[in-house]
Amino acid sequence: MQFPTLLLLSTIFSITSSPWTTTAAPVRDSTDDATTLAAINQLLSLFSQSLDEKNLAALGDVYTADASIGGGGAPPLTGLPAIIEFYTATFQDASLKTLHTSDTVLGGNFTETTATSVSYANVYYFGPEVFERGGESFSNSSVIFRERLENEYQRDANGIWKITRQTGPFILSIEGDTSILRPI
């Protein structure tokens, strides 16, 4: 698959231990970087689509077998089975509809087989639908999480990029009716 060769970033940042501190790092401005960034964006789109469609088996195309997720206040997860189990528990209520969007704003540390990114996501949760006003369908309630994620990626021998480590989500804000959510 060919990706556009437009490098979306003029400055690449690396993240220090604080989730709010950035320091400039040198840019290796090449078409390889643009292709890697496009692949990362495609991977994050697949992640969002997998969650929204509740196709959790597709997370095997997003994460490496030994991937880890940590930070952001949730218990750390290690390994693809634990990640899928977590999302299965999260979305066991089939009436809870979601819409995940993600924008990669910082990408860097590009090598032949590794890369990093910082992404911001909006996660919309919609409660059960109700029918009102002339038969039009309206969401009863919703909540929006605005999040920040830091990802590390690996490219395998077949050229496929996957997330090997995800830090976050760091919740930036929560808006709406959180009563539609249940603890997990």
N, C-alpha and C. Protein backbone atom coordinates (compact mmCIF):
# COMPACT_ATOMS: atom_id res chain seq x y z
N MET A 1 0.84 -1.17 0.00
CA MET A 1 0.00 0.00 0.00
C MET A 1 0.89 1.23 0.00
N GLN A 2 0.62 2.18 -0.87
CA GLN A 2 1.37 3.42 -0.94
C GLN A 2 0.70 4.48 -0.08
N PHE A 3 1.49 5.28 0.61
CA PHE A 3 0.97 6.35 1.42
C PHE A 3 1.49 7.68 0.90
N PRO A 4 0.80 8.77 1.17
CA PRO A 4 1.28 10.07 0.72
C PRO A 4 2.65 10.36 1.34
N THR A 5 3.46 11.11 0.64
CA THR A 5 4.80 11.42 1.12
C THR A 5 4.90 12.82 1.68
N LEU A 6 3.82 13.34 2.20
CA LEU A 6 3.81 14.66 2.80
C LEU A 6 4.12 14.52 4.28
N LEU A 7 5.20 15.16 4.74
CA LEU A 7 5.54 15.13 6.16
C LEU A 7 4.70 16.19 6.85
N LEU A 8 3.87 15.78 7.78
CA LEU A 8 2.91 16.66 8.41
C LEU A 8 3.51 17.52 9.51
N LEU A 9 4.72 17.22 9.93
CA LEU A 9 5.31 17.92 11.06
C LEU A 9 6.53 18.70 10.63
N SER A 10 6.67 19.91 11.13
CA SER A 10 7.88 20.66 10.84
C SER A 10 8.89 20.50 11.97
N THR A 11 8.43 20.18 13.15
CA THR A 11 9.31 19.92 14.29
C THR A 11 8.82 18.66 14.98
N ILE A 12 9.73 17.76 15.28
CA ILE A 12 9.40 16.54 15.99
C ILE A 12 9.79 16.74 17.45
N PHE A 13 8.94 16.25 18.36
CA PHE A 13 9.19 16.40 19.78
C PHE A 13 9.39 15.04 20.41
N SER A 14 10.19 14.99 21.46
CA SER A 14 10.27 13.78 22.26
C SER A 14 9.67 14.10 23.62
N ILE A 15 9.05 13.12 24.23
CA ILE A 15 8.35 13.32 25.49
C ILE A 15 9.24 12.89 26.64
N THR A 16 9.32 13.73 27.66
CA THR A 16 10.06 13.38 28.86
C THR A 16 9.10 12.68 29.81
N SER A 17 9.54 12.45 31.05
CA SER A 17 8.72 11.70 31.99
C SER A 17 7.43 12.41 32.35
N SER A 18 7.38 13.72 32.28
CA SER A 18 6.15 14.44 32.57
C SER A 18 5.25 14.43 31.34
N PRO A 19 3.96 14.15 31.51
CA PRO A 19 3.09 14.12 30.33
C PRO A 19 2.86 15.50 29.73
N TRP A 20 3.36 16.57 30.35
CA TRP A 20 3.10 17.91 29.84
C TRP A 20 4.37 18.62 29.37
N THR A 21 5.51 17.96 29.42
CA THR A 21 6.77 18.59 29.06
C THR A 21 7.27 18.03 27.75
N THR A 22 7.65 18.92 26.83
CA THR A 22 8.23 18.47 25.57
C THR A 22 9.54 19.19 25.34
N THR A 23 10.44 18.54 24.65
CA THR A 23 11.69 19.16 24.25
C THR A 23 11.89 18.87 22.77
N ALA A 24 12.41 19.85 22.07
CA ALA A 24 12.58 19.67 20.63
C ALA A 24 13.66 18.65 20.35
N ALA A 25 13.45 17.84 19.34
CA ALA A 25 14.43 16.86 18.87
C ALA A 25 14.66 17.11 17.39
N PRO A 26 15.80 16.73 16.86
CA PRO A 26 16.06 17.01 15.45
C PRO A 26 15.11 16.24 14.54
N VAL A 27 14.79 16.86 13.44
CA VAL A 27 13.91 16.26 12.44
C VAL A 27 14.76 15.57 11.39
N ARG A 28 14.40 14.34 11.08
CA ARG A 28 15.02 13.62 9.97
C ARG A 28 13.99 13.65 8.86
N ASP A 29 13.93 14.74 8.14
CA ASP A 29 12.87 14.99 7.16
C ASP A 29 13.11 14.16 5.90
N SER A 30 12.41 13.04 5.81
CA SER A 30 12.55 12.19 4.63
C SER A 30 11.21 11.59 4.28
N THR A 31 11.11 11.04 3.09
CA THR A 31 9.85 10.39 2.71
C THR A 31 9.60 9.16 3.55
N ASP A 32 10.65 8.53 4.08
CA ASP A 32 10.44 7.39 4.98
C ASP A 32 9.68 7.81 6.23
N ASP A 33 10.01 9.00 6.77
CA ASP A 33 9.30 9.52 7.94
C ASP A 33 7.84 9.76 7.61
N ALA A 34 7.57 10.33 6.45
CA ALA A 34 6.18 10.60 6.05
C ALA A 34 5.41 9.30 5.89
N THR A 35 6.03 8.30 5.31
CA THR A 35 5.38 7.00 5.14
C THR A 35 5.10 6.36 6.49
N THR A 36 6.06 6.45 7.41
CA THR A 36 5.87 5.91 8.75
C THR A 36 4.73 6.63 9.46
N LEU A 37 4.70 7.96 9.37
CA LEU A 37 3.64 8.72 10.02
C LEU A 37 2.28 8.36 9.43
N ALA A 38 2.20 8.18 8.12
CA ALA A 38 0.94 7.77 7.49
C ALA A 38 0.53 6.38 7.97
N ALA A 39 1.48 5.46 8.11
CA ALA A 39 1.18 4.12 8.60
C ALA A 39 0.68 4.17 10.04
N ILE A 40 1.28 5.02 10.87
CA ILE A 40 0.84 5.19 12.25
C ILE A 40 -0.60 5.70 12.28
N ASN A 41 -0.91 6.69 11.46
CA ASN A 41 -2.28 7.22 11.43
C ASN A 41 -3.27 6.15 10.97
N GLN A 42 -2.88 5.34 9.99
CA GLN A 42 -3.75 4.25 9.55
C GLN A 42 -3.97 3.24 10.67
N LEU A 43 -2.91 2.93 11.42
CA LEU A 43 -3.01 1.99 12.53
C LEU A 43 -3.95 2.52 13.62
N LEU A 44 -3.85 3.80 13.93
CA LEU A 44 -4.73 4.38 14.95
C LEU A 44 -6.18 4.44 14.46
N SER A 45 -6.38 4.60 13.16
CA SER A 45 -7.73 4.52 12.61
C SER A 45 -8.30 3.11 12.74
N LEU A 46 -7.46 2.11 12.50
CA LEU A 46 -7.89 0.72 12.68
C LEU A 46 -8.24 0.46 14.14
N PHE A 47 -7.44 0.98 15.06
CA PHE A 47 -7.72 0.87 16.49
C PHE A 47 -9.11 1.44 16.81
N SER A 48 -9.38 2.66 16.33
CA SER A 48 -10.67 3.30 16.58
C SER A 48 -11.81 2.49 15.99
N GLN A 49 -11.65 2.04 14.76
CA GLN A 49 -12.69 1.26 14.09
C GLN A 49 -12.93 -0.06 14.81
N SER A 50 -11.87 -0.70 15.28
CA SER A 50 -12.01 -1.97 16.01
C SER A 50 -12.87 -1.79 17.26
N LEU A 51 -12.63 -0.71 17.99
CA LEU A 51 -13.39 -0.47 19.21
C LEU A 51 -14.84 -0.08 18.89
N ASP A 52 -15.03 0.79 17.92
CA ASP A 52 -16.38 1.25 17.60
C ASP A 52 -17.25 0.12 17.05
N GLU A 53 -16.65 -0.79 16.29
CA GLU A 53 -17.41 -1.92 15.74
C GLU A 53 -17.43 -3.12 16.68
N LYS A 54 -16.76 -2.99 17.82
CA LYS A 54 -16.65 -4.07 18.82
C LYS A 54 -16.03 -5.32 18.19
N ASN A 55 -15.14 -5.11 17.22
CA ASN A 55 -14.39 -6.18 16.56
C ASN A 55 -13.04 -6.29 17.26
N LEU A 56 -13.06 -6.84 18.46
CA LEU A 56 -11.86 -6.83 19.30
C LEU A 56 -10.78 -7.77 18.80
N ALA A 57 -11.14 -8.76 18.00
CA ALA A 57 -10.12 -9.64 17.40
C ALA A 57 -9.19 -8.84 16.49
N ALA A 58 -9.70 -7.74 15.92
CA ALA A 58 -8.87 -6.90 15.05
C ALA A 58 -7.76 -6.18 15.82
N LEU A 59 -7.86 -6.16 17.15
CA LEU A 59 -6.78 -5.55 17.93
C LEU A 59 -5.47 -6.31 17.76
N GLY A 60 -5.54 -7.56 17.29
CA GLY A 60 -4.34 -8.32 16.97
C GLY A 60 -3.57 -7.71 15.81
N ASP A 61 -4.25 -6.88 15.00
CA ASP A 61 -3.59 -6.15 13.93
C ASP A 61 -3.08 -4.80 14.39
N VAL A 62 -3.40 -4.42 15.62
CA VAL A 62 -3.01 -3.12 16.17
C VAL A 62 -1.83 -3.25 17.13
N TYR A 63 -1.88 -4.27 18.01
CA TYR A 63 -0.87 -4.44 19.05
C TYR A 63 0.01 -5.65 18.76
N THR A 64 1.27 -5.59 19.20
CA THR A 64 2.14 -6.76 19.15
C THR A 64 1.66 -7.77 20.20
N ALA A 65 2.09 -9.01 20.08
CA ALA A 65 1.68 -10.06 21.02
C ALA A 65 2.10 -9.73 22.45
N ASP A 66 3.22 -9.02 22.61
CA ASP A 66 3.73 -8.70 23.95
C ASP A 66 3.53 -7.23 24.32
N ALA A 67 2.60 -6.56 23.66
CA ALA A 67 2.36 -5.13 23.90
C ALA A 67 1.97 -4.87 25.35
N SER A 68 2.23 -3.64 25.78
CA SER A 68 1.82 -3.24 27.12
C SER A 68 1.09 -1.90 27.05
N ILE A 69 0.14 -1.74 27.95
CA ILE A 69 -0.59 -0.49 28.12
C ILE A 69 -0.47 -0.13 29.59
N GLY A 70 -0.10 1.11 29.87
CA GLY A 70 0.02 1.54 31.26
C GLY A 70 -0.08 3.05 31.35
N GLY A 71 -0.22 3.53 32.57
CA GLY A 71 -0.33 4.96 32.79
C GLY A 71 -1.76 5.42 32.70
N GLY A 72 -1.99 6.66 33.01
CA GLY A 72 -3.33 7.21 32.92
C GLY A 72 -4.26 6.75 34.03
N GLY A 73 -3.77 6.02 35.01
CA GLY A 73 -4.59 5.64 36.16
C GLY A 73 -5.17 4.24 36.11
N ALA A 74 -5.22 3.62 34.94
CA ALA A 74 -5.75 2.25 34.85
C ALA A 74 -4.67 1.25 35.21
N PRO A 75 -5.05 0.05 35.64
CA PRO A 75 -4.04 -0.97 35.93
C PRO A 75 -3.27 -1.32 34.64
N PRO A 76 -1.98 -1.57 34.73
CA PRO A 76 -1.21 -1.91 33.52
C PRO A 76 -1.66 -3.25 32.94
N LEU A 77 -1.58 -3.34 31.63
CA LEU A 77 -1.92 -4.56 30.90
C LEU A 77 -0.69 -4.99 30.11
N THR A 78 -0.42 -6.30 30.09
CA THR A 78 0.70 -6.81 29.32
C THR A 78 0.24 -8.00 28.51
N GLY A 79 0.50 -7.94 27.21
CA GLY A 79 0.16 -9.03 26.31
C GLY A 79 -1.17 -8.81 25.63
N LEU A 80 -1.25 -9.25 24.38
CA LEU A 80 -2.46 -9.08 23.59
C LEU A 80 -3.69 -9.72 24.24
N PRO A 81 -3.61 -10.93 24.83
CA PRO A 81 -4.81 -11.49 25.47
C PRO A 81 -5.37 -10.60 26.59
N ALA A 82 -4.49 -9.99 27.38
CA ALA A 82 -4.95 -9.11 28.47
C ALA A 82 -5.60 -7.85 27.91
N ILE A 83 -5.06 -7.34 26.82
CA ILE A 83 -5.62 -6.14 26.20
C ILE A 83 -7.01 -6.43 25.64
N ILE A 84 -7.15 -7.55 24.94
CA ILE A 84 -8.45 -7.92 24.38
C ILE A 84 -9.45 -8.19 25.50
N GLU A 85 -9.02 -8.84 26.57
CA GLU A 85 -9.90 -9.11 27.71
C GLU A 85 -10.39 -7.80 28.33
N PHE A 86 -9.50 -6.82 28.47
CA PHE A 86 -9.88 -5.52 29.01
C PHE A 86 -10.95 -4.85 28.15
N TYR A 87 -10.74 -4.81 26.85
CA TYR A 87 -11.72 -4.17 25.97
C TYR A 87 -13.01 -4.97 25.88
N THR A 88 -12.93 -6.27 26.00
CA THR A 88 -14.14 -7.10 26.02
C THR A 88 -14.99 -6.73 27.24
N ALA A 89 -14.36 -6.59 28.40
CA ALA A 89 -15.08 -6.19 29.61
C ALA A 89 -15.62 -4.77 29.47
N THR A 90 -14.85 -3.90 28.85
CA THR A 90 -15.27 -2.51 28.68
C THR A 90 -16.53 -2.42 27.84
N PHE A 91 -16.60 -3.22 26.78
CA PHE A 91 -17.70 -3.10 25.83
C PHE A 91 -18.71 -4.23 25.91
N GLN A 92 -18.83 -4.89 27.07
CA GLN A 92 -19.78 -5.99 27.17
C GLN A 92 -21.22 -5.50 27.10
N ASP A 93 -21.47 -4.23 27.40
CA ASP A 93 -22.81 -3.67 27.26
C ASP A 93 -22.99 -3.27 25.80
N ALA A 94 -23.68 -4.11 25.04
CA ALA A 94 -23.83 -3.90 23.60
C ALA A 94 -24.62 -2.64 23.27
N SER A 95 -25.41 -2.13 24.23
CA SER A 95 -26.19 -0.93 23.95
C SER A 95 -25.34 0.34 23.99
N LEU A 96 -24.13 0.24 24.51
CA LEU A 96 -23.25 1.41 24.60
C LEU A 96 -22.53 1.59 23.26
N LYS A 97 -22.91 2.62 22.55
CA LYS A 97 -22.30 2.92 21.26
C LYS A 97 -21.16 3.90 21.47
N THR A 98 -20.13 3.77 20.65
CA THR A 98 -18.96 4.63 20.79
C THR A 98 -18.54 5.21 19.45
N LEU A 99 -17.80 6.29 19.53
CA LEU A 99 -17.13 6.87 18.37
C LEU A 99 -15.77 7.35 18.85
N HIS A 100 -14.71 6.75 18.33
CA HIS A 100 -13.35 7.12 18.67
C HIS A 100 -12.74 7.89 17.51
N THR A 101 -12.13 9.01 17.81
CA THR A 101 -11.36 9.75 16.80
C THR A 101 -9.97 9.98 17.36
N SER A 102 -8.98 10.07 16.49
CA SER A 102 -7.61 10.24 16.95
C SER A 102 -6.84 11.09 15.96
N ASP A 103 -5.99 11.96 16.48
CA ASP A 103 -5.09 12.76 15.66
C ASP A 103 -3.68 12.61 16.21
N THR A 104 -2.77 12.18 15.37
CA THR A 104 -1.37 12.12 15.76
C THR A 104 -0.77 13.50 15.52
N VAL A 105 -0.35 14.14 16.60
CA VAL A 105 0.17 15.49 16.46
C VAL A 105 1.69 15.54 16.52
N LEU A 106 2.28 14.54 17.13
CA LEU A 106 3.74 14.47 17.21
C LEU A 106 4.18 13.07 16.86
N GLY A 107 5.10 12.95 15.96
CA GLY A 107 5.67 11.65 15.62
C GLY A 107 7.17 11.80 15.56
N GLY A 108 7.89 10.78 15.95
CA GLY A 108 9.33 10.93 15.92
C GLY A 108 10.07 9.67 16.25
N ASN A 109 11.37 9.86 16.46
CA ASN A 109 12.27 8.76 16.77
C ASN A 109 12.13 7.66 15.72
N PHE A 110 12.00 8.06 14.46
CA PHE A 110 11.82 7.11 13.38
C PHE A 110 13.12 6.37 13.09
N THR A 111 13.06 5.06 13.09
CA THR A 111 14.14 4.22 12.60
C THR A 111 13.51 3.25 11.60
N GLU A 112 14.27 2.32 11.10
CA GLU A 112 13.72 1.33 10.18
C GLU A 112 12.62 0.48 10.82
N THR A 113 12.74 0.25 12.13
CA THR A 113 11.81 -0.68 12.79
C THR A 113 11.09 -0.11 14.00
N THR A 114 11.34 1.14 14.37
CA THR A 114 10.68 1.71 15.54
C THR A 114 10.26 3.15 15.28
N ALA A 115 9.28 3.60 16.03
CA ALA A 115 8.80 4.98 15.96
C ALA A 115 8.02 5.27 17.23
N THR A 116 7.77 6.54 17.49
CA THR A 116 6.94 6.95 18.62
C THR A 116 5.95 8.00 18.14
N SER A 117 4.88 8.18 18.92
CA SER A 117 3.93 9.25 18.60
C SER A 117 3.22 9.70 19.86
N VAL A 118 2.71 10.91 19.78
CA VAL A 118 1.78 11.45 20.76
C VAL A 118 0.51 11.76 20.00
N SER A 119 -0.60 11.24 20.49
CA SER A 119 -1.89 11.42 19.82
C SER A 119 -2.90 11.96 20.82
N TYR A 120 -3.85 12.68 20.28
CA TYR A 120 -4.98 13.15 21.07
C TYR A 120 -6.22 12.47 20.52
N ALA A 121 -7.08 12.04 21.41
CA ALA A 121 -8.28 11.31 20.99
C ALA A 121 -9.51 11.92 21.65
N ASN A 122 -10.60 11.85 20.94
CA ASN A 122 -11.92 12.14 21.51
C ASN A 122 -12.67 10.82 21.48
N VAL A 123 -13.20 10.44 22.62
CA VAL A 123 -13.96 9.19 22.73
C VAL A 123 -15.36 9.56 23.16
N TYR A 124 -16.32 9.28 22.29
CA TYR A 124 -17.72 9.58 22.54
C TYR A 124 -18.43 8.29 22.93
N TYR A 125 -19.13 8.31 24.05
CA TYR A 125 -19.97 7.19 24.48
C TYR A 125 -21.42 7.68 24.42
N PHE A 126 -22.27 6.90 23.77
CA PHE A 126 -23.67 7.27 23.63
C PHE A 126 -24.53 6.26 24.37
N GLY A 127 -25.44 6.75 25.18
CA GLY A 127 -26.35 5.88 25.91
C GLY A 127 -27.41 5.31 24.98
N PRO A 128 -28.34 4.52 25.54
CA PRO A 128 -29.41 3.92 24.72
C PRO A 128 -30.19 5.00 23.97
N GLU A 129 -30.59 4.67 22.75
CA GLU A 129 -31.37 5.62 21.95
C GLU A 129 -32.81 5.67 22.43
N VAL A 130 -33.42 6.82 22.27
CA VAL A 130 -34.84 6.99 22.53
C VAL A 130 -35.45 7.61 21.28
N PHE A 131 -36.70 7.32 21.05
CA PHE A 131 -37.37 7.88 19.88
C PHE A 131 -38.29 8.99 20.33
N GLU A 132 -38.04 10.17 19.82
CA GLU A 132 -38.83 11.35 20.19
C GLU A 132 -39.02 12.21 18.95
N ARG A 133 -39.93 13.15 19.04
CA ARG A 133 -40.14 14.18 18.03
C ARG A 133 -40.32 13.62 16.63
N GLY A 134 -41.47 13.13 16.39
CA GLY A 134 -41.81 12.68 15.05
C GLY A 134 -41.06 11.45 14.59
N GLY A 135 -40.70 10.58 15.52
CA GLY A 135 -40.02 9.34 15.16
C GLY A 135 -38.53 9.47 14.91
N GLU A 136 -37.96 10.66 15.09
CA GLU A 136 -36.51 10.83 14.94
C GLU A 136 -35.79 10.21 16.12
N SER A 137 -34.65 9.59 15.86
CA SER A 137 -33.87 8.94 16.91
C SER A 137 -32.87 9.92 17.50
N PHE A 138 -32.87 10.03 18.80
CA PHE A 138 -31.93 10.91 19.50
C PHE A 138 -31.22 10.11 20.57
N SER A 139 -29.95 10.40 20.79
CA SER A 139 -29.24 9.76 21.89
C SER A 139 -29.77 10.30 23.19
N ASN A 140 -30.02 9.39 24.12
CA ASN A 140 -30.55 9.76 25.42
C ASN A 140 -29.52 10.60 26.19
N SER A 141 -28.28 10.18 26.17
CA SER A 141 -27.23 10.90 26.88
C SER A 141 -25.89 10.49 26.29
N SER A 142 -24.89 11.30 26.53
CA SER A 142 -23.57 10.97 26.02
C SER A 142 -22.51 11.56 26.94
N VAL A 143 -21.32 11.03 26.79
CA VAL A 143 -20.17 11.55 27.52
C VAL A 143 -18.98 11.54 26.56
N ILE A 144 -18.13 12.55 26.68
CA ILE A 144 -16.96 12.68 25.82
C ILE A 144 -15.71 12.71 26.70
N PHE A 145 -14.78 11.81 26.38
CA PHE A 145 -13.47 11.82 27.01
C PHE A 145 -12.50 12.44 26.02
N ARG A 146 -11.72 13.40 26.46
CA ARG A 146 -10.64 13.95 25.64
C ARG A 146 -9.35 13.42 26.26
N GLU A 147 -8.56 12.70 25.44
CA GLU A 147 -7.43 11.94 25.97
C GLU A 147 -6.16 12.22 25.19
N ARG A 148 -5.05 11.91 25.85
CA ARG A 148 -3.72 12.00 25.24
C ARG A 148 -3.07 10.63 25.38
N LEU A 149 -2.48 10.12 24.29
CA LEU A 149 -1.82 8.81 24.29
C LEU A 149 -0.39 8.96 23.76
N GLU A 150 0.52 8.24 24.37
CA GLU A 150 1.90 8.15 23.88
C GLU A 150 2.13 6.70 23.46
N ASN A 151 2.50 6.50 22.21
CA ASN A 151 2.67 5.15 21.68
C ASN A 151 4.09 4.92 21.19
N GLU A 152 4.53 3.67 21.35
CA GLU A 152 5.77 3.20 20.74
C GLU A 152 5.38 2.10 19.77
N TYR A 153 6.04 2.08 18.62
CA TYR A 153 5.69 1.16 17.55
C TYR A 153 6.89 0.32 17.13
N GLN A 154 6.57 -0.86 16.61
CA GLN A 154 7.57 -1.75 16.00
C GLN A 154 7.08 -2.12 14.62
N ARG A 155 8.02 -2.21 13.69
CA ARG A 155 7.69 -2.71 12.36
C ARG A 155 8.29 -4.09 12.22
N ASP A 156 7.45 -5.06 11.80
CA ASP A 156 7.93 -6.43 11.70
C ASP A 156 8.63 -6.68 10.36
N ALA A 157 9.09 -7.90 10.16
CA ALA A 157 9.84 -8.26 8.96
C ALA A 157 9.01 -8.09 7.69
N ASN A 158 7.68 -8.09 7.82
CA ASN A 158 6.80 -7.90 6.67
C ASN A 158 6.45 -6.43 6.43
N GLY A 159 7.03 -5.54 7.23
CA GLY A 159 6.78 -4.11 7.06
C GLY A 159 5.53 -3.60 7.75
N ILE A 160 4.94 -4.41 8.62
CA ILE A 160 3.69 -4.04 9.30
C ILE A 160 4.02 -3.36 10.63
N TRP A 161 3.45 -2.18 10.84
CA TRP A 161 3.64 -1.44 12.08
C TRP A 161 2.56 -1.86 13.08
N LYS A 162 2.95 -2.00 14.36
CA LYS A 162 2.02 -2.29 15.45
C LYS A 162 2.48 -1.54 16.70
N ILE A 163 1.53 -1.32 17.59
CA ILE A 163 1.85 -0.69 18.88
C ILE A 163 2.48 -1.73 19.79
N THR A 164 3.63 -1.39 20.33
CA THR A 164 4.28 -2.28 21.28
C THR A 164 4.14 -1.77 22.72
N ARG A 165 3.97 -0.47 22.87
CA ARG A 165 3.78 0.11 24.20
C ARG A 165 2.90 1.34 24.09
N GLN A 166 1.89 1.40 24.94
CA GLN A 166 0.98 2.54 24.95
C GLN A 166 0.94 3.09 26.37
N THR A 167 1.23 4.37 26.49
CA THR A 167 1.17 5.04 27.79
C THR A 167 -0.02 5.98 27.76
N GLY A 168 -0.89 5.81 28.74
CA GLY A 168 -2.11 6.60 28.78
C GLY A 168 -3.29 5.66 28.70
N PRO A 169 -4.45 6.14 28.53
CA PRO A 169 -4.72 7.53 28.19
C PRO A 169 -4.62 8.45 29.40
N PHE A 170 -4.10 9.62 29.14
CA PHE A 170 -4.14 10.69 30.12
C PHE A 170 -5.42 11.46 29.83
N ILE A 171 -6.35 11.45 30.76
CA ILE A 171 -7.64 12.10 30.56
C ILE A 171 -7.45 13.61 30.71
N LEU A 172 -7.76 14.34 29.66
CA LEU A 172 -7.65 15.79 29.69
C LEU A 172 -8.94 16.44 30.17
N SER A 173 -10.07 15.88 29.76
CA SER A 173 -11.36 16.38 30.23
C SER A 173 -12.43 15.31 30.00
N ILE A 174 -13.49 15.41 30.78
CA ILE A 174 -14.67 14.56 30.63
C ILE A 174 -15.87 15.49 30.62
N GLU A 175 -16.69 15.33 29.60
CA GLU A 175 -17.87 16.17 29.47
C GLU A 175 -19.09 15.28 29.28
N GLY A 176 -20.20 15.64 29.91
CA GLY A 176 -21.44 14.93 29.67
C GLY A 176 -21.92 14.11 30.85
N ASP A 177 -22.83 13.20 30.56
CA ASP A 177 -23.53 12.40 31.56
C ASP A 177 -22.78 11.09 31.81
N THR A 178 -21.92 11.07 32.81
CA THR A 178 -21.11 9.89 33.11
C THR A 178 -21.93 8.76 33.72
N SER A 179 -23.19 8.99 34.02
CA SER A 179 -24.01 7.93 34.61
C SER A 179 -24.26 6.78 33.60
N ILE A 180 -24.04 7.03 32.31
CA ILE A 180 -24.26 5.97 31.33
C ILE A 180 -23.10 4.97 31.33
N LEU A 181 -22.00 5.30 32.00
CA LEU A 181 -20.86 4.42 32.07
C LEU A 181 -20.92 3.58 33.33
N ARG A 182 -20.28 2.41 33.28
CA ARG A 182 -20.22 1.55 34.46
C ARG A 182 -18.76 1.32 34.79
N PRO A 183 -18.43 1.12 36.06
CA PRO A 183 -17.03 0.83 36.41
C PRO A 183 -16.61 -0.53 35.87
N ILE A 184 -15.34 -0.64 35.51
CA ILE A 184 -14.80 -1.93 35.08
C ILE A 184 -13.64 -2.31 35.94
